[in-house]
PDB file of N, CA and C in Angstrom:
ATOM      1  N   MET A   1      -0.168 -17.617 -23.209  1.00  0.00           N
ATOM      2  CA  MET A   1       0.840 -18.496 -22.608  1.00  0.00           C
ATOM      3  C   MET A   1       0.592 -18.667 -21.102  1.00  0.00           C
ATOM      4  N   ILE A   2       0.363 -17.555 -20.421  1.00  0.00           N
ATOM      5  CA  ILE A   2       0.102 -17.606 -18.982  1.00  0.00           C
ATOM      6  C   ILE A   2      -1.219 -18.319 -18.700  1.00  0.00           C
ATOM      7  N   LEU A   3      -2.237 -18.054 -19.529  1.00  0.00           N
ATOM      8  CA  LEU A   3      -3.547 -18.681 -19.352  1.00  0.00           C
ATOM      9  C   LEU A   3      -3.456 -20.194 -19.488  1.00  0.00           C
ATOM     10  N   ILE A   4      -2.642 -20.668 -20.422  1.00  0.00           N
ATOM     11  CA  ILE A   4      -2.459 -22.110 -20.627  1.00  0.00           C
ATOM     12  C   ILE A   4      -1.831 -22.730 -19.372  1.00  0.00           C
ATOM     13  N   HIS A   5      -0.824 -22.048 -18.834  1.00  0.00           N
ATOM     14  CA  HIS A   5      -0.171 -22.523 -17.614  1.00  0.00           C
ATOM     15  C   HIS A   5      -1.156 -22.543 -16.445  1.00  0.00           C
ATOM     16  N   LEU A   6      -1.973 -21.505 -16.374  1.00  0.00           N
ATOM     17  CA  LEU A   6      -2.949 -21.369 -15.302  1.00  0.00           C
ATOM     18  C   LEU A   6      -3.973 -22.504 -15.347  1.00  0.00           C
ATOM     19  N   LYS A   7      -4.417 -22.871 -16.547  1.00  0.00           N
ATOM     20  CA  LYS A   7      -5.402 -23.940 -16.719  1.00  0.00           C
ATOM     21  C   LYS A   7      -4.791 -25.312 -16.451  1.00  0.00           C
ATOM     22  N   SER A   8      -3.576 -25.523 -16.945  1.00  0.00           N
ATOM     23  CA  SER A   8      -2.942 -26.831 -16.809  1.00  0.00           C
ATOM     24  C   SER A   8      -2.393 -27.065 -15.401  1.00  0.00           C
ATOM     25  N   ASN A   9      -1.720 -26.049 -14.846  1.00  0.00           N
ATOM     26  CA  ASN A   9      -1.124 -26.224 -13.528  1.00  0.00           C
ATOM     27  C   ASN A   9      -1.007 -24.879 -12.801  1.00  0.00           C
ATOM     28  N   PRO A  10      -2.014 -24.506 -12.027  1.00  0.00           N
ATOM     29  CA  PRO A  10      -1.949 -23.226 -11.313  1.00  0.00           C
ATOM     30  C   PRO A  10      -0.867 -23.183 -10.238  1.00  0.00           C
ATOM     31  N   LYS A  11      -0.580 -24.349  -9.638  1.00  0.00           N
ATOM     32  CA  LYS A  11       0.454 -24.420  -8.600  1.00  0.00           C
ATOM     33  C   LYS A  11       1.828 -24.087  -9.174  1.00  0.00           C
ATOM     34  N   TYR A  12       2.070 -24.551 -10.392  1.00  0.00           N
ATOM     35  CA  TYR A  12       3.339 -24.296 -11.068  1.00  0.00           C
ATOM     36  C   TYR A  12       3.533 -22.804 -11.308  1.00  0.00           C
ATOM     37  N   LEU A  13       2.452 -22.145 -11.726  1.00  0.00           N
ATOM     38  CA  LEU A  13       2.493 -20.704 -11.983  1.00  0.00           C
ATOM     39  C   LEU A  13       2.770 -19.941 -10.687  1.00  0.00           C
ATOM     40  N   LEU A  14       2.096 -20.327  -9.612  1.00  0.00           N
ATOM     41  CA  LEU A  14       2.307 -19.690  -8.315  1.00  0.00           C
ATOM     42  C   LEU A  14       3.744 -19.874  -7.843  1.00  0.00           C
ATOM     43  N   CYS A  15       4.278 -21.052  -8.097  1.00  0.00           N
ATOM     44  CA  CYS A  15       5.658 -21.349  -7.737  1.00  0.00           C
ATOM     45  C   CYS A  15       6.616 -20.435  -8.500  1.00  0.00           C
ATOM     46  N   GLU A  16       6.352 -20.239  -9.780  1.00  0.00           N
ATOM     47  CA  GLU A  16       7.183 -19.356 -10.608  1.00  0.00           C
ATOM     48  C   GLU A  16       7.114 -17.919 -10.109  1.00  0.00           C
ATOM     49  N   ILE A  17       5.928 -17.469  -9.741  1.00  0.00           N
ATOM     50  CA  ILE A  17       5.753 -16.108  -9.214  1.00  0.00           C
ATOM     51  C   ILE A  17       6.575 -15.941  -7.936  1.00  0.00           C
ATOM     52  N   GLU A  18       6.521 -16.938  -7.056  1.00  0.00           N
ATOM     53  CA  GLU A  18       7.287 -16.898  -5.809  1.00  0.00           C
ATOM     54  C   GLU A  18       8.790 -16.847  -6.087  1.00  0.00           C
ATOM     55  N   MET A  19       9.225 -17.613  -7.086  1.00  0.00           N
ATOM     56  CA  MET A  19      10.634 -17.629  -7.476  1.00  0.00           C
ATOM     57  C   MET A  19      11.073 -16.250  -7.947  1.00  0.00           C
ATOM     58  N   ILE A  20      10.242 -15.613  -8.765  1.00  0.00           N
ATOM     59  CA  ILE A  20      10.547 -14.273  -9.282  1.00  0.00           C
ATOM     60  C   ILE A  20      10.614 -13.272  -8.128  1.00  0.00           C
ATOM     61  N   LYS A  21       9.683 -13.366  -7.193  1.00  0.00           N
ATOM     62  CA  LYS A  21       9.667 -12.484  -6.020  1.00  0.00           C
ATOM     63  C   LYS A  21      10.949 -12.656  -5.216  1.00  0.00           C
ATOM     64  N   HIS A  22      11.338 -13.909  -5.007  1.00  0.00           N
ATOM     65  CA  HIS A  22      12.537 -14.227  -4.229  1.00  0.00           C
ATOM     66  C   HIS A  22      13.787 -13.695  -4.927  1.00  0.00           C
ATOM     67  N   GLN A  23      13.850 -13.870  -6.239  1.00  0.00           N
ATOM     68  CA  GLN A  23      14.993 -13.406  -7.024  1.00  0.00           C
ATOM     69  C   GLN A  23      15.110 -11.888  -6.963  1.00  0.00           C
ATOM     70  N   SER A  24      13.995 -11.186  -7.117  1.00  0.00           N
ATOM     71  CA  SER A  24      14.015  -9.722  -7.079  1.00  0.00           C
ATOM     72  C   SER A  24      14.443  -9.228  -5.699  1.00  0.00           C
ATOM     73  N   HIS A  25      14.040  -9.958  -4.642  1.00  0.00           N
ATOM     74  CA  HIS A  25      14.431  -9.616  -3.275  1.00  0.00           C
ATOM     75  C   HIS A  25      15.939  -9.785  -3.099  1.00  0.00           C
ATOM     76  N   GLN A  26      16.495 -10.861  -3.657  1.00  0.00           N
ATOM     77  CA  GLN A  26      17.932 -11.114  -3.591  1.00  0.00           C
ATOM     78  C   GLN A  26      18.702 -10.045  -4.359  1.00  0.00           C
ATOM     79  N   ILE A  27      18.194  -9.655  -5.519  1.00  0.00           N
ATOM     80  CA  ILE A  27      18.834  -8.629  -6.342  1.00  0.00           C
ATOM     81  C   ILE A  27      18.879  -7.301  -5.577  1.00  0.00           C
ATOM     82  N   LYS A  28      17.795  -6.951  -4.902  1.00  0.00           N
ATOM     83  CA  LYS A  28      17.739  -5.729  -4.099  1.00  0.00           C
ATOM     84  C   LYS A  28      18.794  -5.775  -3.000  1.00  0.00           C
ATOM     85  N   LYS A  29      18.927  -6.920  -2.338  1.00  0.00           N
ATOM     86  CA  LYS A  29      19.927  -7.099  -1.282  1.00  0.00           C
ATOM     87  C   LYS A  29      21.333  -6.901  -1.825  1.00  0.00           C
ATOM     88  N   ILE A  30      21.609  -7.482  -2.989  1.00  0.00           N
ATOM     89  CA  ILE A  30      22.923  -7.380  -3.624  1.00  0.00           C
ATOM     90  C   ILE A  30      23.227  -5.924  -3.975  1.00  0.00           C
ATOM     91  N   ILE A  31      22.245  -5.224  -4.537  1.00  0.00           N
ATOM     92  CA  ILE A  31      22.416  -3.813  -4.906  1.00  0.00           C
ATOM     93  C   ILE A  31      22.699  -2.979  -3.655  1.00  0.00           C
ATOM     94  N   GLN A  32      21.952  -3.210  -2.587  1.00  0.00           N
ATOM     95  CA  GLN A  32      22.155  -2.485  -1.332  1.00  0.00           C
ATOM     96  C   GLN A  32      23.549  -2.752  -0.771  1.00  0.00           C
ATOM     97  N   ALA A  33      23.983  -4.004  -0.826  1.00  0.00           N
ATOM     98  CA  ALA A  33      25.310  -4.375  -0.342  1.00  0.00           C
ATOM     99  C   ALA A  33      26.400  -3.682  -1.154  1.00  0.00           C
ATOM    100  N   LYS A  34      26.225  -3.626  -2.456  1.00  0.00           N
ATOM    101  CA  LYS A  34      27.188  -2.963  -3.338  1.00  0.00           C
ATOM    102  C   LYS A  34      27.232  -1.461  -3.059  1.00  0.00           C
ATOM    103  N   LEU A  35      26.070  -0.857  -2.827  1.00  0.00           N
ATOM    104  CA  LEU A  35      26.008   0.571  -2.533  1.00  0.00           C
ATOM    105  C   LEU A  35      26.708   0.890  -1.218  1.00  0.00           C
ATOM    106  N   THR A  36      26.480   0.090  -0.193  1.00  0.00           N
ATOM    107  CA  THR A  36      27.123   0.317   1.104  1.00  0.00           C
ATOM    108  C   THR A  36      28.627   0.077   1.005  1.00  0.00           C
ATOM    109  N   PHE A  37      29.022  -0.825   0.123  1.00  0.00           N
ATOM    110  CA  PHE A  37      30.442  -1.111  -0.097  1.00  0.00           C
ATOM    111  C   PHE A  37      31.120   0.055  -0.818  1.00  0.00           C
ATOM    112  N   LEU A  38      30.400   0.705  -1.721  1.00  0.00           N
ATOM    113  CA  LEU A  38      30.958   1.811  -2.498  1.00  0.00           C
ATOM    114  C   LEU A  38      30.903   3.152  -1.760  1.00  0.00           C
ATOM    115  N   LYS A  39      29.982   3.296  -0.827  1.00  0.00           N
ATOM    116  CA  LYS A  39      29.791   4.565  -0.109  1.00  0.00           C
ATOM    117  C   LYS A  39      31.080   5.110   0.529  1.00  0.00           C
ATOM    118  N   PRO A  40      31.828   4.328   1.313  1.00  0.00           N
ATOM    119  CA  PRO A  40      33.050   4.882   1.924  1.00  0.00           C
ATOM    120  C   PRO A  40      34.041   5.429   0.897  1.00  0.00           C
ATOM    121  N   LYS A  41      34.199   4.734  -0.211  1.00  0.00           N
ATOM    122  CA  LYS A  41      35.105   5.168  -1.275  1.00  0.00           C
ATOM    123  C   LYS A  41      34.641   6.497  -1.870  1.00  0.00           C
ATOM    124  N   VAL A  42      33.329   6.613  -2.070  1.00  0.00           N
ATOM    125  CA  VAL A  42      32.748   7.838  -2.631  1.00  0.00           C
ATOM    126  C   VAL A  42      32.968   8.999  -1.664  1.00  0.00           C
ATOM    127  N   LEU A  43      32.779   8.748  -0.371  1.00  0.00           N
ATOM    128  CA  LEU A  43      32.974   9.783   0.646  1.00  0.00           C
ATOM    129  C   LEU A  43      34.424  10.251   0.674  1.00  0.00           C
ATOM    130  N   VAL A  44      35.344   9.320   0.538  1.00  0.00           N
ATOM    131  CA  VAL A  44      36.774   9.643   0.515  1.00  0.00           C
ATOM    132  C   VAL A  44      37.096  10.515  -0.698  1.00  0.00           C
ATOM    133  N   VAL A  45      36.518  10.172  -1.831  1.00  0.00           N
ATOM    134  CA  VAL A  45      36.737  10.935  -3.066  1.00  0.00           C
ATOM    135  C   VAL A  45      36.165  12.350  -2.921  1.00  0.00           C
ATOM    136  N   CYS A  46      34.994  12.467  -2.306  1.00  0.00           N
ATOM    137  CA  CYS A  46      34.337  13.770  -2.158  1.00  0.00           C
ATOM    138  C   CYS A  46      35.125  14.687  -1.224  1.00  0.00           C
ATOM    139  N   THR A  47      35.671  14.162  -0.131  1.00  0.00           N
ATOM    140  CA  THR A  47      36.391  14.969   0.868  1.00  0.00           C
ATOM    141  C   THR A  47      37.856  15.069   0.527  1.00  0.00           C
TER     142      THR A  47
END
């Protein structure tokens, strides 16, 4: 499947890879934001 895409349109495949990279970067940001948001609550519970 990937080979067919590569032969027919390599630019399209590269674009998809970039999209996946961007999405994973956004997901990491969201997870970090959620963790920092939860940290104060966790600290309050611990103390």
